[in-house]
């Protein structure tokens, strides 16, 4: 069955409604994040060509979210896929929809991995007030991310990435994660979202006060939680966020190898794994 971006957005919105309910039932504060906040402000919902949805949580709220029993998700047809899971190691978590398929390119599939449609769940952590420590947090995050990519069978011809994945194998996950989380400094001037798959350092560092209170914003006709400082957050992340990208920059396509909103990923996994093993992808 052929699925469009609009079809996927409808599924993602239904998932968001259910996650919002779970958070309210368990007293967990969250915020719309990244392009989802941008879409709410600029389009009152999804960016028309966007095919994903992101949420962010301050670290203590993130940990509370991960402690919610799996039953709260499974009863709604969802699965909480936690960070550093042995079947799908990531520096952040995801909520997946059961009996669907969203298999991305570039990655081998580990046995037992859930590969349904997902919403990203990003942690926000303390950025050290010490400049050297803060810089090291960024570099160690990259080692941690490389370690996760290596465990997931990421294939690349880029020497820099190959080197990082090779070196990262000699560093245990837990000490690196503790350093990047920096939970000992509880009242730092800034926070960071490096572990949300950061690419540009300056676009993932924010004043703490942006995250100190929450409000609501309309997304696809329904109100959801967002940090009160969302406008400054968008300025830091996107610059002139109300300016539409050029036609060439818009990618109104699904960024996955396989998308099927009506069939479980298990149907596709073995066939794709065998094919990917024969291909080296940049």
C-alpha atoms as a PDB file:
ATOM      1  CA  UNK A   1       0.000   0.000   0.000  1.00  0.00           C
ATOM      2  CA  UNK A   2       1.288   3.463  -0.889  1.00  0.00           C
ATOM      3  CA  UNK A   3       1.310   5.965   1.988  1.00  0.00           C
ATOM      4  CA  UNK A   4       1.608   9.732   1.639  1.00  0.00           C
ATOM      5  CA  UNK A   5       3.082  12.320   3.999  1.00  0.00           C
ATOM      6  CA  UNK A   6      -0.471  13.318   4.951  1.00  0.00           C
ATOM      7  CA  UNK A   7      -1.324   9.714   5.824  1.00  0.00           C
ATOM      8  CA  UNK A   8       1.716   9.497   8.075  1.00  0.00           C
ATOM      9  CA  UNK A   9       0.940  12.845   9.700  1.00  0.00           C
ATOM     10  CA  UNK A  10      -2.526  11.604  10.669  1.00  0.00           C
ATOM     11  CA  UNK A  11      -0.999   8.583  12.408  1.00  0.00           C
ATOM     12  CA  UNK A  12       1.608  10.742  14.155  1.00  0.00           C
ATOM     13  CA  UNK A  13      -1.061  13.159  15.379  1.00  0.00           C
ATOM     14  CA  UNK A  14      -3.085  10.310  16.882  1.00  0.00           C
ATOM     15  CA  UNK A  15       0.081   9.113  18.630  1.00  0.00           C
ATOM     16  CA  UNK A  16       0.741  12.616  19.968  1.00  0.00           C
ATOM     17  CA  UNK A  17      -2.751  12.786  21.459  1.00  0.00           C
ATOM     18  CA  UNK A  18      -2.152   9.481  23.241  1.00  0.00           C
ATOM     19  CA  UNK A  19       1.285  10.519  24.547  1.00  0.00           C
ATOM     20  CA  UNK A  20      -0.227  13.785  25.812  1.00  0.00           C
ATOM     21  CA  UNK A  21      -2.806  11.731  27.728  1.00  0.00           C
ATOM     22  CA  UNK A  22      -0.114   9.433  29.156  1.00  0.00           C
ATOM     23  CA  UNK A  23       1.950  12.411  30.340  1.00  0.00           C
ATOM     24  CA  UNK A  24      -1.049  14.042  32.010  1.00  0.00           C
ATOM     25  CA  UNK A  25      -2.030  10.784  33.721  1.00  0.00           C
ATOM     26  CA  UNK A  26       1.499  10.390  35.105  1.00  0.00           C
ATOM     27  CA  UNK A  27       2.300  14.010  35.950  1.00  0.00           C
ATOM     28  CA  UNK A  28       5.083  14.358  33.379  1.00  0.00           C
ATOM     29  CA  UNK A  29       5.852  17.725  31.772  1.00  0.00           C
ATOM     30  CA  UNK A  30       6.859  17.740  28.113  1.00  0.00           C
ATOM     31  CA  UNK A  31       7.145  20.214  25.281  1.00  0.00           C
ATOM     32  CA  UNK A  32       6.717  20.055  21.548  1.00  0.00           C
ATOM     33  CA  UNK A  33      10.204  20.241  20.042  1.00  0.00           C
ATOM     34  CA  UNK A  34      12.136  21.185  16.912  1.00  0.00           C
ATOM     35  CA  UNK A  35      10.095  21.201  13.698  1.00  0.00           C
ATOM     36  CA  UNK A  36       6.938  20.343  15.620  1.00  0.00           C
ATOM     37  CA  UNK A  37       7.111  23.684  17.497  1.00  0.00           C
ATOM     38  CA  UNK A  38       7.985  25.424  14.246  1.00  0.00           C
ATOM     39  CA  UNK A  39       4.978  23.851  12.544  1.00  0.00           C
ATOM     40  CA  UNK A  40       2.670  24.886  15.388  1.00  0.00           C
ATOM     41  CA  UNK A  41       3.798  28.519  15.164  1.00  0.00           C
ATOM     42  CA  UNK A  42       4.102  28.893  11.400  1.00  0.00           C
ATOM     43  CA  UNK A  43       1.439  26.471  10.125  1.00  0.00           C
ATOM     44  CA  UNK A  44      -0.768  25.807  13.172  1.00  0.00           C
ATOM     45  CA  UNK A  45       0.149  22.155  12.755  1.00  0.00           C
ATOM     46  CA  UNK A  46       2.512  20.000  10.726  1.00  0.00           C
ATOM     47  CA  UNK A  47       4.918  21.631   8.332  1.00  0.00           C
ATOM     48  CA  UNK A  48       3.225  20.453   5.100  1.00  0.00           C
ATOM     49  CA  UNK A  49       6.261  18.516   3.884  1.00  0.00           C
ATOM     50  CA  UNK A  50       7.369  17.230   7.312  1.00  0.00           C
ATOM     51  CA  UNK A  51       7.180  13.516   8.092  1.00  0.00           C
ATOM     52  CA  UNK A  52       8.137  13.356  11.761  1.00  0.00           C
ATOM     53  CA  UNK A  53       7.155  14.636  15.188  1.00  0.00           C
ATOM     54  CA  UNK A  54       9.411  15.497  18.142  1.00  0.00           C
ATOM     55  CA  UNK A  55       8.957  16.014  21.885  1.00  0.00           C
ATOM     56  CA  UNK A  56      11.489  17.184  24.472  1.00  0.00           C
ATOM     57  CA  UNK A  57      11.705  16.758  28.237  1.00  0.00           C
ATOM     58  CA  UNK A  58      13.989  18.241  30.866  1.00  0.00           C
ATOM     59  CA  UNK A  59      16.141  15.392  32.202  1.00  0.00           C
ATOM     60  CA  UNK A  60      14.158  14.774  35.406  1.00  0.00           C
ATOM     61  CA  UNK A  61      10.874  14.709  33.462  1.00  0.00           C
ATOM     62  CA  UNK A  62      12.473  12.511  30.797  1.00  0.00           C
ATOM     63  CA  UNK A  63      13.516   9.964  33.425  1.00  0.00           C
ATOM     64  CA  UNK A  64       9.962  10.022  34.871  1.00  0.00           C
ATOM     65  CA  UNK A  65       8.594   9.368  31.380  1.00  0.00           C
ATOM     66  CA  UNK A  66      10.891   6.367  30.928  1.00  0.00           C
ATOM     67  CA  UNK A  67       9.659   4.929  34.245  1.00  0.00           C
ATOM     68  CA  UNK A  68       6.029   4.856  33.085  1.00  0.00           C
ATOM     69  CA  UNK A  69       4.980   1.178  32.839  1.00  0.00           C
ATOM     70  CA  UNK A  70       4.979  -0.247  29.326  1.00  0.00           C
ATOM     71  CA  UNK A  71       1.331  -1.197  29.871  1.00  0.00           C
ATOM     72  CA  UNK A  72       0.360   2.481  29.660  1.00  0.00           C
ATOM     73  CA  UNK A  73       1.682   2.440  26.092  1.00  0.00           C
ATOM     74  CA  UNK A  74       0.745  -1.070  24.964  1.00  0.00           C
ATOM     75  CA  UNK A  75      -2.889  -0.524  26.003  1.00  0.00           C
ATOM     76  CA  UNK A  76      -2.926   2.244  23.383  1.00  0.00           C
ATOM     77  CA  UNK A  77      -1.210   0.213  20.668  1.00  0.00           C
ATOM     78  CA  UNK A  78       2.169   1.847  21.337  1.00  0.00           C
ATOM     79  CA  UNK A  79       5.618   0.759  22.530  1.00  0.00           C
ATOM     80  CA  UNK A  80       8.109   2.857  24.500  1.00  0.00           C
ATOM     81  CA  UNK A  81      11.534   2.237  22.947  1.00  0.00           C
ATOM     82  CA  UNK A  82      14.040   3.383  25.550  1.00  0.00           C
ATOM     83  CA  UNK A  83      17.463   4.892  24.966  1.00  0.00           C
ATOM     84  CA  UNK A  84      20.403   2.474  24.689  1.00  0.00           C
ATOM     85  CA  UNK A  85      18.058  -0.473  24.245  1.00  0.00           C
ATOM     86  CA  UNK A  86      20.091  -3.495  23.148  1.00  0.00           C
ATOM     87  CA  UNK A  87      17.855  -3.977  20.096  1.00  0.00           C
ATOM     88  CA  UNK A  88      17.997  -0.333  18.944  1.00  0.00           C
ATOM     89  CA  UNK A  89      20.660   1.742  20.757  1.00  0.00           C
ATOM     90  CA  UNK A  90      20.098   5.499  20.551  1.00  0.00           C
ATOM     91  CA  UNK A  91      21.040   8.522  22.665  1.00  0.00           C
ATOM     92  CA  UNK A  92      17.327   9.321  23.037  1.00  0.00           C
ATOM     93  CA  UNK A  93      14.054   7.382  23.142  1.00  0.00           C
ATOM     94  CA  UNK A  94      11.109   6.832  20.838  1.00  0.00           C
ATOM     95  CA  UNK A  95       7.467   5.903  21.121  1.00  0.00           C
ATOM     96  CA  UNK A  96       6.539   3.474  18.349  1.00  0.00           C
ATOM     97  CA  UNK A  97       3.141   2.496  16.954  1.00  0.00           C
ATOM     98  CA  UNK A  98       2.548  -1.224  16.862  1.00  0.00           C
ATOM     99  CA  UNK A  99       1.527  -2.996  13.642  1.00  0.00           C
ATOM    100  CA  UNK A 100       3.056  -0.329  11.387  1.00  0.00           C
ATOM    101  CA  UNK A 101       6.335  -0.030   9.492  1.00  0.00           C
ATOM    102  CA  UNK A 102       8.807   2.842   9.244  1.00  0.00           C
ATOM    103  CA  UNK A 103      12.202   1.438   8.276  1.00  0.00           C
ATOM    104  CA  UNK A 104      14.894   4.018   7.627  1.00  0.00           C
ATOM    105  CA  UNK A 105      17.847   3.750   5.279  1.00  0.00           C
ATOM    106  CA  UNK A 106      21.482   3.257   6.306  1.00  0.00           C
ATOM    107  CA  UNK A 107      20.834   0.996   9.276  1.00  0.00           C
ATOM    108  CA  UNK A 108      21.052  -2.710   9.718  1.00  0.00           C
ATOM    109  CA  UNK A 109      18.172  -4.126  11.738  1.00  0.00           C
ATOM    110  CA  UNK A 110      19.066  -5.752  15.047  1.00  0.00           C
ATOM    111  CA  UNK A 111      17.099  -8.792  16.097  1.00  0.00           C
ATOM    112  CA  UNK A 112      14.026  -7.820  18.077  1.00  0.00           C
ATOM    113  CA  UNK A 113      14.083  -4.123  17.151  1.00  0.00           C
ATOM    114  CA  UNK A 114      10.703  -2.386  16.939  1.00  0.00           C
ATOM    115  CA  UNK A 115      10.507  -0.493  13.643  1.00  0.00           C
ATOM    116  CA  UNK A 116       7.026   0.974  13.648  1.00  0.00           C
ATOM    117  CA  UNK A 117       6.109   4.622  13.029  1.00  0.00           C
ATOM    118  CA  UNK A 118       7.648   6.705  15.807  1.00  0.00           C
ATOM    119  CA  UNK A 119       7.720   9.980  17.721  1.00  0.00           C
ATOM    120  CA  UNK A 120      11.157  11.062  18.974  1.00  0.00           C
ATOM    121  CA  UNK A 121      11.548  11.673  22.716  1.00  0.00           C
ATOM    122  CA  UNK A 122      14.508  13.986  23.389  1.00  0.00           C
ATOM    123  CA  UNK A 123      16.147  14.777  26.758  1.00  0.00           C
ATOM    124  CA  UNK A 124      17.368  18.270  27.648  1.00  0.00           C
ATOM    125  CA  UNK A 125      20.417  18.368  29.938  1.00  0.00           C
ATOM    126  CA  UNK A 126      22.580  20.759  31.936  1.00  0.00           C
ATOM    127  CA  UNK A 127      25.373  22.470  30.007  1.00  0.00           C
ATOM    128  CA  UNK A 128      28.310  23.111  32.298  1.00  0.00           C
ATOM    129  CA  UNK A 129      29.125  26.725  33.152  1.00  0.00           C
ATOM    130  CA  UNK A 130      32.779  25.740  32.786  1.00  0.00           C
ATOM    131  CA  UNK A 131      33.712  26.384  29.139  1.00  0.00           C
ATOM    132  CA  UNK A 132      36.165  23.457  28.892  1.00  0.00           C
ATOM    133  CA  UNK A 133      33.710  21.058  30.511  1.00  0.00           C
ATOM    134  CA  UNK A 134      30.957  22.237  28.158  1.00  0.00           C
ATOM    135  CA  UNK A 135      33.175  21.677  25.113  1.00  0.00           C
ATOM    136  CA  UNK A 136      34.040  18.191  26.354  1.00  0.00           C
ATOM    137  CA  UNK A 137      30.325  17.432  26.782  1.00  0.00           C
ATOM    138  CA  UNK A 138      29.901  18.126  23.046  1.00  0.00           C
ATOM    139  CA  UNK A 139      32.823  15.938  21.982  1.00  0.00           C
ATOM    140  CA  UNK A 140      31.917  13.063  24.275  1.00  0.00           C
ATOM    141  CA  UNK A 141      28.354  13.226  22.982  1.00  0.00           C
ATOM    142  CA  UNK A 142      29.755  12.559  19.502  1.00  0.00           C
ATOM    143  CA  UNK A 143      31.655   9.521  20.769  1.00  0.00           C
ATOM    144  CA  UNK A 144      28.491   8.278  22.438  1.00  0.00           C
ATOM    145  CA  UNK A 145      26.471   8.800  19.252  1.00  0.00           C
ATOM    146  CA  UNK A 146      29.154   7.018  17.199  1.00  0.00           C
ATOM    147  CA  UNK A 147      29.045   4.082  19.597  1.00  0.00           C
ATOM    148  CA  UNK A 148      25.276   3.815  19.119  1.00  0.00           C
ATOM    149  CA  UNK A 149      25.619   4.015  15.331  1.00  0.00           C
ATOM    150  CA  UNK A 150      28.205   1.260  15.363  1.00  0.00           C
ATOM    151  CA  UNK A 151      25.955  -1.000  17.421  1.00  0.00           C
ATOM    152  CA  UNK A 152      23.135  -0.427  14.958  1.00  0.00           C
ATOM    153  CA  UNK A 153      25.230  -1.490  11.973  1.00  0.00           C
ATOM    154  CA  UNK A 154      25.533   1.970  10.426  1.00  0.00           C
ATOM    155  CA  UNK A 155      27.455   1.742   7.150  1.00  0.00           C
ATOM    156  CA  UNK A 156      29.543   4.598   5.812  1.00  0.00           C
ATOM    157  CA  UNK A 157      32.505   5.357   3.574  1.00  0.00           C
ATOM    158  CA  UNK A 158      33.325   8.553   5.480  1.00  0.00           C
ATOM    159  CA  UNK A 159      36.650   8.097   7.276  1.00  0.00           C
ATOM    160  CA  UNK A 160      35.773  10.526  10.074  1.00  0.00           C
ATOM    161  CA  UNK A 161      32.679   8.553  11.004  1.00  0.00           C
ATOM    162  CA  UNK A 162      34.454   5.220  10.651  1.00  0.00           C
ATOM    163  CA  UNK A 163      37.224   6.448  12.965  1.00  0.00           C
ATOM    164  CA  UNK A 164      34.746   7.734  15.575  1.00  0.00           C
ATOM    165  CA  UNK A 165      32.847   4.444  15.585  1.00  0.00           C
ATOM    166  CA  UNK A 166      36.091   2.475  15.931  1.00  0.00           C
ATOM    167  CA  UNK A 167      37.425   4.620  18.796  1.00  0.00           C
ATOM    168  CA  UNK A 168      34.082   4.705  20.644  1.00  0.00           C
ATOM    169  CA  UNK A 169      34.201   0.939  21.181  1.00  0.00           C
ATOM    170  CA  UNK A 170      36.929   1.439  23.798  1.00  0.00           C
ATOM    171  CA  UNK A 171      34.780   3.757  25.948  1.00  0.00           C
ATOM    172  CA  UNK A 172      31.943   2.357  28.111  1.00  0.00           C
ATOM    173  CA  UNK A 173      28.532   3.947  27.625  1.00  0.00           C
ATOM    174  CA  UNK A 174      27.608   4.801  31.218  1.00  0.00           C
ATOM    175  CA  UNK A 175      30.559   7.107  32.087  1.00  0.00           C
ATOM    176  CA  UNK A 176      30.158   8.971  28.787  1.00  0.00           C
ATOM    177  CA  UNK A 177      26.434   9.390  29.363  1.00  0.00           C
ATOM    178  CA  UNK A 178      26.944  10.672  32.923  1.00  0.00           C
ATOM    179  CA  UNK A 179      29.411  13.269  31.654  1.00  0.00           C
ATOM    180  CA  UNK A 180      27.078  14.531  28.923  1.00  0.00           C
ATOM    181  CA  UNK A 181      24.037  14.605  31.247  1.00  0.00           C
ATOM    182  CA  UNK A 182      25.990  16.601  33.856  1.00  0.00           C
ATOM    183  CA  UNK A 183      23.410  16.061  36.589  1.00  0.00           C
ATOM    184  CA  UNK A 184      25.750  17.362  39.315  1.00  0.00           C
ATOM    185  CA  UNK A 185      25.398  20.959  38.094  1.00  0.00           C
ATOM    186  CA  UNK A 186      21.709  21.539  38.710  1.00  0.00           C
ATOM    187  CA  UNK A 187      21.406  25.283  38.134  1.00  0.00           C
ATOM    188  CA  UNK A 188      23.553  26.007  35.105  1.00  0.00           C
ATOM    189  CA  UNK A 189      23.013  29.093  32.991  1.00  0.00           C
ATOM    190  CA  UNK A 190      22.311  27.058  29.853  1.00  0.00           C
ATOM    191  CA  UNK A 191      20.910  23.666  28.887  1.00  0.00           C
ATOM    192  CA  UNK A 192      21.579  21.543  25.823  1.00  0.00           C
ATOM    193  CA  UNK A 193      19.847  18.974  23.652  1.00  0.00           C
ATOM    194  CA  UNK A 194      22.971  17.277  22.265  1.00  0.00           C
ATOM    195  CA  UNK A 195      21.487  13.841  22.915  1.00  0.00           C
ATOM    196  CA  UNK A 196      18.630  14.685  20.565  1.00  0.00           C
ATOM    197  CA  UNK A 197      20.924  13.870  17.629  1.00  0.00           C
ATOM    198  CA  UNK A 198      22.502  17.316  17.516  1.00  0.00           C
ATOM    199  CA  UNK A 199      24.361  18.384  14.382  1.00  0.00           C
ATOM    200  CA  UNK A 200      25.204  22.065  14.980  1.00  0.00           C
ATOM    201  CA  UNK A 201      26.350  22.775  18.550  1.00  0.00           C
ATOM    202  CA  UNK A 202      25.191  26.410  18.715  1.00  0.00           C
ATOM    203  CA  UNK A 203      21.671  25.429  17.636  1.00  0.00           C
ATOM    204  CA  UNK A 204      21.215  23.047  20.553  1.00  0.00           C
ATOM    205  CA  UNK A 205      22.261  25.307  23.457  1.00  0.00           C
ATOM    206  CA  UNK A 206      19.536  27.364  25.140  1.00  0.00           C
ATOM    207  CA  UNK A 207      19.148  29.671  28.165  1.00  0.00           C
ATOM    208  CA  UNK A 208      17.716  27.637  31.047  1.00  0.00           C
ATOM    209  CA  UNK A 209      14.984  30.197  31.690  1.00  0.00           C
ATOM    210  CA  UNK A 210      13.283  29.243  28.405  1.00  0.00           C
ATOM    211  CA  UNK A 211      12.429  25.887  29.988  1.00  0.00           C
ATOM    212  CA  UNK A 212      11.343  27.062  33.437  1.00  0.00           C
ATOM    213  CA  UNK A 213       7.625  27.370  32.675  1.00  0.00           C
ATOM    214  CA  UNK A 214       5.171  25.891  30.203  1.00  0.00           C
ATOM    215  CA  UNK A 215       2.176  27.050  28.227  1.00  0.00           C
ATOM    216  CA  UNK A 216      -0.035  25.563  25.513  1.00  0.00           C
ATOM    217  CA  UNK A 217      -0.002  25.964  21.751  1.00  0.00           C
ATOM    218  CA  UNK A 218      -2.465  24.860  19.073  1.00  0.00           C
ATOM    219  CA  UNK A 219      -1.267  22.052  16.828  1.00  0.00           C
ATOM    220  CA  UNK A 220      -3.711  20.660  14.252  1.00  0.00           C
ATOM    221  CA  UNK A 221      -6.673  22.122  16.132  1.00  0.00           C
ATOM    222  CA  UNK A 222      -5.732  20.789  19.567  1.00  0.00           C
ATOM    223  CA  UNK A 223      -3.715  22.333  22.399  1.00  0.00           C
ATOM    224  CA  UNK A 224      -0.434  20.728  23.472  1.00  0.00           C
ATOM    225  CA  UNK A 225       2.280  21.602  25.966  1.00  0.00           C
ATOM    226  CA  UNK A 226       5.219  23.800  24.950  1.00  0.00           C
ATOM    227  CA  UNK A 227       7.921  25.706  26.827  1.00  0.00           C
ATOM    228  CA  UNK A 228       6.959  29.338  27.494  1.00  0.00           C
ATOM    229  CA  UNK A 229      10.161  30.502  25.789  1.00  0.00           C
ATOM    230  CA  UNK A 230       9.335  28.763  22.525  1.00  0.00           C
ATOM    231  CA  UNK A 231       9.813  31.857  20.349  1.00  0.00           C
ATOM    232  CA  UNK A 232      13.394  32.406  21.511  1.00  0.00           C
ATOM    233  CA  UNK A 233      13.941  28.639  21.254  1.00  0.00           C
ATOM    234  CA  UNK A 234      12.900  28.806  17.596  1.00  0.00           C
ATOM    235  CA  UNK A 235      15.132  31.814  16.920  1.00  0.00           C
ATOM    236  CA  UNK A 236      18.161  29.959  18.290  1.00  0.00           C
ATOM    237  CA  UNK A 237      17.316  26.769  16.421  1.00  0.00           C
ATOM    238  CA  UNK A 238      16.163  28.163  13.064  1.00  0.00           C
ATOM    239  CA  UNK A 239      16.989  31.875  12.893  1.00  0.00           C
ATOM    240  CA  UNK A 240      14.233  33.616  10.881  1.00  0.00           C
ATOM    241  CA  UNK A 241      11.794  30.802  11.556  1.00  0.00           C
ATOM    242  CA  UNK A 242       8.787  32.417   9.873  1.00  0.00           C
ATOM    243  CA  UNK A 243      10.575  32.478   6.509  1.00  0.00           C
ATOM    244  CA  UNK A 244       9.586  29.574   4.308  1.00  0.00           C
ATOM    245  CA  UNK A 245      12.392  27.503   2.798  1.00  0.00           C
ATOM    246  CA  UNK A 246      12.837  27.443  -0.953  1.00  0.00           C
ATOM    247  CA  UNK A 247      11.036  24.850  -3.045  1.00  0.00           C
ATOM    248  CA  UNK A 248      14.326  23.006  -3.461  1.00  0.00           C
ATOM    249  CA  UNK A 249      14.808  22.778   0.300  1.00  0.00           C
ATOM    250  CA  UNK A 250      11.395  21.288   0.926  1.00  0.00           C
ATOM    251  CA  UNK A 251      11.367  17.535   0.927  1.00  0.00           C
ATOM    252  CA  UNK A 252       7.773  16.404   0.665  1.00  0.00           C
ATOM    253  CA  UNK A 253       8.692  12.743   0.746  1.00  0.00           C
ATOM    254  CA  UNK A 254       8.947  10.017   3.342  1.00  0.00           C
ATOM    255  CA  UNK A 255      12.535   9.632   4.521  1.00  0.00           C
ATOM    256  CA  UNK A 256      12.465   5.876   4.861  1.00  0.00           C
ATOM    257  CA  UNK A 257      13.125   2.705   2.953  1.00  0.00           C
ATOM    258  CA  UNK A 258       9.678   1.336   3.750  1.00  0.00           C
ATOM    259  CA  UNK A 259       6.552   3.013   5.154  1.00  0.00           C
ATOM    260  CA  UNK A 260       3.436   0.937   5.700  1.00  0.00           C
ATOM    261  CA  UNK A 261       0.795   2.226   8.094  1.00  0.00           C
ATOM    262  CA  UNK A 262      -1.219  -0.991   8.027  1.00  0.00           C
ATOM    263  CA  UNK A 263       1.382  -3.772   8.199  1.00  0.00           C
ATOM    264  CA  UNK A 264       3.825  -4.751  10.943  1.00  0.00           C
ATOM    265  CA  UNK A 265       7.520  -4.090  10.305  1.00  0.00           C
ATOM    266  CA  UNK A 266       8.202  -7.763  11.004  1.00  0.00           C
ATOM    267  CA  UNK A 267       6.954  -8.600   7.526  1.00  0.00           C
ATOM    268  CA  UNK A 268       9.744  -6.517   5.954  1.00  0.00           C
ATOM    269  CA  UNK A 269      12.747  -6.922   8.251  1.00  0.00           C
ATOM    270  CA  UNK A 270      14.390 -10.131   7.010  1.00  0.00           C
ATOM    271  CA  UNK A 271      14.155  -9.215   3.338  1.00  0.00           C
ATOM    272  CA  UNK A 272      15.649  -5.760   3.856  1.00  0.00           C
ATOM    273  CA  UNK A 273      18.424  -6.955   6.148  1.00  0.00           C
ATOM    274  CA  UNK A 274      19.656  -9.388   3.531  1.00  0.00           C
ATOM    275  CA  UNK A 275      19.688  -6.680   0.866  1.00  0.00           C
ATOM    276  CA  UNK A 276      21.381  -4.018   3.032  1.00  0.00           C
ATOM    277  CA  UNK A 277      24.257  -6.353   3.863  1.00  0.00           C
ATOM    278  CA  UNK A 278      25.224  -6.307   0.195  1.00  0.00           C
ATOM    279  CA  UNK A 279      25.323  -2.491  -0.055  1.00  0.00           C
ATOM    280  CA  UNK A 280      27.802   0.017   1.384  1.00  0.00           C
ATOM    281  CA  UNK A 281      25.952   3.275   2.013  1.00  0.00           C
ATOM    282  CA  UNK A 282      27.527   6.708   2.555  1.00  0.00           C
END
